[in-house]
Amino acid sequence: METYSLLRQFADSWMLLFLFTFFFGVVVWAFRPGASKLYEDTANIPFRHADKPAAGEASQPEAQK
């Protein structure tokens, strides 16, 4: 059996099963019950300093011309 045929059979059977299992695992991991707090915190990053600038930004010198 030549190499191409062997790799093709492997990709059509076991690799397909492995990739489907990996995909299903990633989906389950992303939608697990404890992940919503983490994702909510990450989604709110742009709004953390909405009322005043972050402390580190005021101390940085402006770009010189």
N, C-alpha and C. Protein backbone atom coordinates (compact mmCIF):
# COMPACT_ATOMS: atom_id res chain seq x y z
N MET A 1 0.85 -1.18 0.00
CA MET A 1 0.00 0.00 0.00
C MET A 1 0.90 1.24 0.00
N GLU A 2 0.64 2.15 -0.88
CA GLU A 2 1.47 3.34 -0.95
C GLU A 2 1.14 4.32 0.18
N THR A 3 1.99 5.26 0.39
CA THR A 3 1.87 6.18 1.52
C THR A 3 0.62 7.04 1.42
N TYR A 4 0.31 7.53 0.25
CA TYR A 4 -0.86 8.39 0.09
C TYR A 4 -2.14 7.66 0.48
N SER A 5 -2.29 6.44 0.01
CA SER A 5 -3.50 5.66 0.33
C SER A 5 -3.60 5.38 1.82
N LEU A 6 -2.49 5.08 2.44
CA LEU A 6 -2.48 4.83 3.88
C LEU A 6 -2.87 6.07 4.67
N LEU A 7 -2.28 7.21 4.32
CA LEU A 7 -2.62 8.45 5.01
C LEU A 7 -4.05 8.88 4.72
N ARG A 8 -4.53 8.63 3.54
CA ARG A 8 -5.91 8.97 3.19
C ARG A 8 -6.91 8.15 4.00
N GLN A 9 -6.64 6.87 4.15
CA GLN A 9 -7.51 6.03 4.97
C GLN A 9 -7.48 6.46 6.43
N PHE A 10 -6.29 6.80 6.93
CA PHE A 10 -6.18 7.27 8.31
C PHE A 10 -6.94 8.57 8.50
N ALA A 11 -6.82 9.50 7.57
CA ALA A 11 -7.52 10.78 7.68
C ALA A 11 -9.03 10.61 7.58
N ASP A 12 -9.48 9.68 6.78
CA ASP A 12 -10.92 9.45 6.62
C ASP A 12 -11.54 8.74 7.82
N SER A 13 -10.75 8.08 8.62
CA SER A 13 -11.33 7.31 9.72
C SER A 13 -10.96 7.89 11.08
N TRP A 14 -9.78 7.61 11.55
CA TRP A 14 -9.39 7.97 12.92
C TRP A 14 -9.17 9.47 13.10
N MET A 15 -8.59 10.13 12.14
CA MET A 15 -8.36 11.57 12.28
C MET A 15 -9.68 12.32 12.28
N LEU A 16 -10.63 11.88 11.49
CA LEU A 16 -11.95 12.49 11.49
C LEU A 16 -12.61 12.34 12.86
N LEU A 17 -12.51 11.16 13.43
CA LEU A 17 -13.06 10.92 14.77
C LEU A 17 -12.34 11.78 15.81
N PHE A 18 -11.03 11.87 15.73
CA PHE A 18 -10.26 12.69 16.67
C PHE A 18 -10.64 14.16 16.57
N LEU A 19 -10.71 14.69 15.36
CA LEU A 19 -11.03 16.11 15.18
C LEU A 19 -12.46 16.42 15.61
N PHE A 20 -13.40 15.52 15.38
CA PHE A 20 -14.77 15.73 15.86
C PHE A 20 -14.80 15.74 17.39
N THR A 21 -14.08 14.82 18.02
CA THR A 21 -14.02 14.77 19.48
C THR A 21 -13.36 16.03 20.03
N PHE A 22 -12.31 16.51 19.40
CA PHE A 22 -11.64 17.73 19.82
C PHE A 22 -12.58 18.93 19.70
N PHE A 23 -13.29 19.04 18.59
CA PHE A 23 -14.24 20.13 18.39
C PHE A 23 -15.34 20.10 19.44
N PHE A 24 -15.90 18.93 19.69
CA PHE A 24 -16.95 18.79 20.69
C PHE A 24 -16.42 19.16 22.08
N GLY A 25 -15.19 18.78 22.39
CA GLY A 25 -14.58 19.14 23.67
C GLY A 25 -14.40 20.64 23.82
N VAL A 26 -13.99 21.32 22.77
CA VAL A 26 -13.82 22.77 22.82
C VAL A 26 -15.16 23.46 23.02
N VAL A 27 -16.20 23.00 22.35
CA VAL A 27 -17.53 23.58 22.51
C VAL A 27 -18.04 23.38 23.93
N VAL A 28 -17.88 22.19 24.47
CA VAL A 28 -18.31 21.92 25.85
C VAL A 28 -17.52 22.77 26.82
N TRP A 29 -16.21 22.91 26.61
CA TRP A 29 -15.38 23.72 27.50
C TRP A 29 -15.78 25.20 27.44
N ALA A 30 -16.11 25.70 26.27
CA ALA A 30 -16.48 27.11 26.13
C ALA A 30 -17.82 27.42 26.77
N PHE A 31 -18.75 26.47 26.76
CA PHE A 31 -20.08 26.70 27.31
C PHE A 31 -20.29 26.06 28.68
N ARG A 32 -19.21 25.75 29.37
CA ARG A 32 -19.35 25.17 30.71
C ARG A 32 -19.94 26.20 31.66
N PRO A 33 -20.59 25.78 32.73
CA PRO A 33 -21.29 26.71 33.62
C PRO A 33 -20.39 27.76 34.27
N GLY A 34 -19.17 27.44 34.61
CA GLY A 34 -18.29 28.38 35.29
C GLY A 34 -17.63 29.40 34.38
N ALA A 35 -17.78 29.27 33.08
CA ALA A 35 -17.08 30.14 32.15
C ALA A 35 -17.78 31.47 31.94
N SER A 36 -19.05 31.58 32.27
CA SER A 36 -19.78 32.82 31.97
C SER A 36 -19.22 34.03 32.72
N LYS A 37 -18.77 33.84 33.96
CA LYS A 37 -18.19 34.97 34.71
C LYS A 37 -16.89 35.44 34.06
N LEU A 38 -16.07 34.50 33.64
CA LEU A 38 -14.81 34.84 32.97
C LEU A 38 -15.07 35.59 31.67
N TYR A 39 -16.01 35.10 30.88
CA TYR A 39 -16.30 35.75 29.60
C TYR A 39 -16.95 37.11 29.81
N GLU A 40 -17.76 37.25 30.84
CA GLU A 40 -18.37 38.55 31.14
C GLU A 40 -17.31 39.56 31.54
N ASP A 41 -16.34 39.13 32.34
CA ASP A 41 -15.25 40.02 32.75
C ASP A 41 -14.42 40.44 31.54
N THR A 42 -14.12 39.51 30.66
CA THR A 42 -13.35 39.81 29.46
C THR A 42 -14.11 40.74 28.52
N ALA A 43 -15.41 40.56 28.41
CA ALA A 43 -16.22 41.40 27.52
C ALA A 43 -16.31 42.83 28.02
N ASN A 44 -16.14 43.06 29.32
CA ASN A 44 -16.25 44.40 29.89
C ASN A 44 -14.93 45.15 29.97
N ILE A 45 -13.86 44.62 29.41
CA ILE A 45 -12.55 45.29 29.46
C ILE A 45 -12.60 46.70 28.87
N PRO A 46 -13.24 46.96 27.74
CA PRO A 46 -13.25 48.33 27.19
C PRO A 46 -13.97 49.34 28.09
N PHE A 47 -14.81 48.88 28.99
CA PHE A 47 -15.59 49.79 29.81
C PHE A 47 -15.06 49.95 31.23
N ARG A 48 -13.90 49.43 31.54
CA ARG A 48 -13.39 49.47 32.91
C ARG A 48 -13.09 50.89 33.37
N HIS A 49 -12.56 51.72 32.52
CA HIS A 49 -12.18 53.08 32.89
C HIS A 49 -13.06 54.09 32.15
N ALA A 50 -14.34 53.85 32.10
CA ALA A 50 -15.24 54.72 31.37
C ALA A 50 -15.43 56.07 32.06
N ASP A 51 -15.41 56.09 33.40
CA ASP A 51 -15.65 57.34 34.12
C ASP A 51 -14.39 58.19 34.26
N LYS A 52 -13.21 57.59 34.31
CA LYS A 52 -11.95 58.34 34.37
C LYS A 52 -10.85 57.51 33.72
N PRO A 53 -9.83 58.15 33.21
CA PRO A 53 -8.75 57.39 32.56
C PRO A 53 -7.98 56.54 33.57
N ALA A 54 -7.32 55.55 33.07
CA ALA A 54 -6.50 54.70 33.94
C ALA A 54 -5.36 55.53 34.52
N ALA A 55 -4.86 55.15 35.67
CA ALA A 55 -3.82 55.91 36.37
C ALA A 55 -2.52 55.97 35.58
N GLY A 56 -2.16 54.92 34.88
CA GLY A 56 -0.90 54.88 34.14
C GLY A 56 -0.88 55.77 32.91
N GLU A 57 -2.01 56.10 32.35
CA GLU A 57 -2.05 56.88 31.12
C GLU A 57 -1.68 58.34 31.36
N ALA A 58 -2.01 58.91 32.50
CA ALA A 58 -1.75 60.32 32.77
C ALA A 58 -0.27 60.59 32.99
N SER A 59 0.47 59.61 33.47
CA SER A 59 1.88 59.83 33.77
C SER A 59 2.79 59.62 32.57
N GLN A 60 2.28 59.13 31.48
CA GLN A 60 3.10 58.91 30.29
C GLN A 60 3.28 60.21 29.53
N PRO A 61 4.52 60.52 29.13
CA PRO A 61 4.76 61.76 28.37
C PRO A 61 4.17 61.67 26.96
N GLU A 62 3.74 62.80 26.45
CA GLU A 62 3.20 62.84 25.09
C GLU A 62 4.33 62.70 24.08
N ALA A 63 3.98 62.27 22.88
CA ALA A 63 4.99 62.11 21.82
C ALA A 63 5.54 63.46 21.42
N GLN A 64 6.87 63.54 21.30
CA GLN A 64 7.52 64.78 20.91
C GLN A 64 7.55 64.90 19.41
N LYS A 65 7.43 66.15 18.92
CA LYS A 65 7.44 66.37 17.47
C LYS A 65 8.81 66.62 16.97
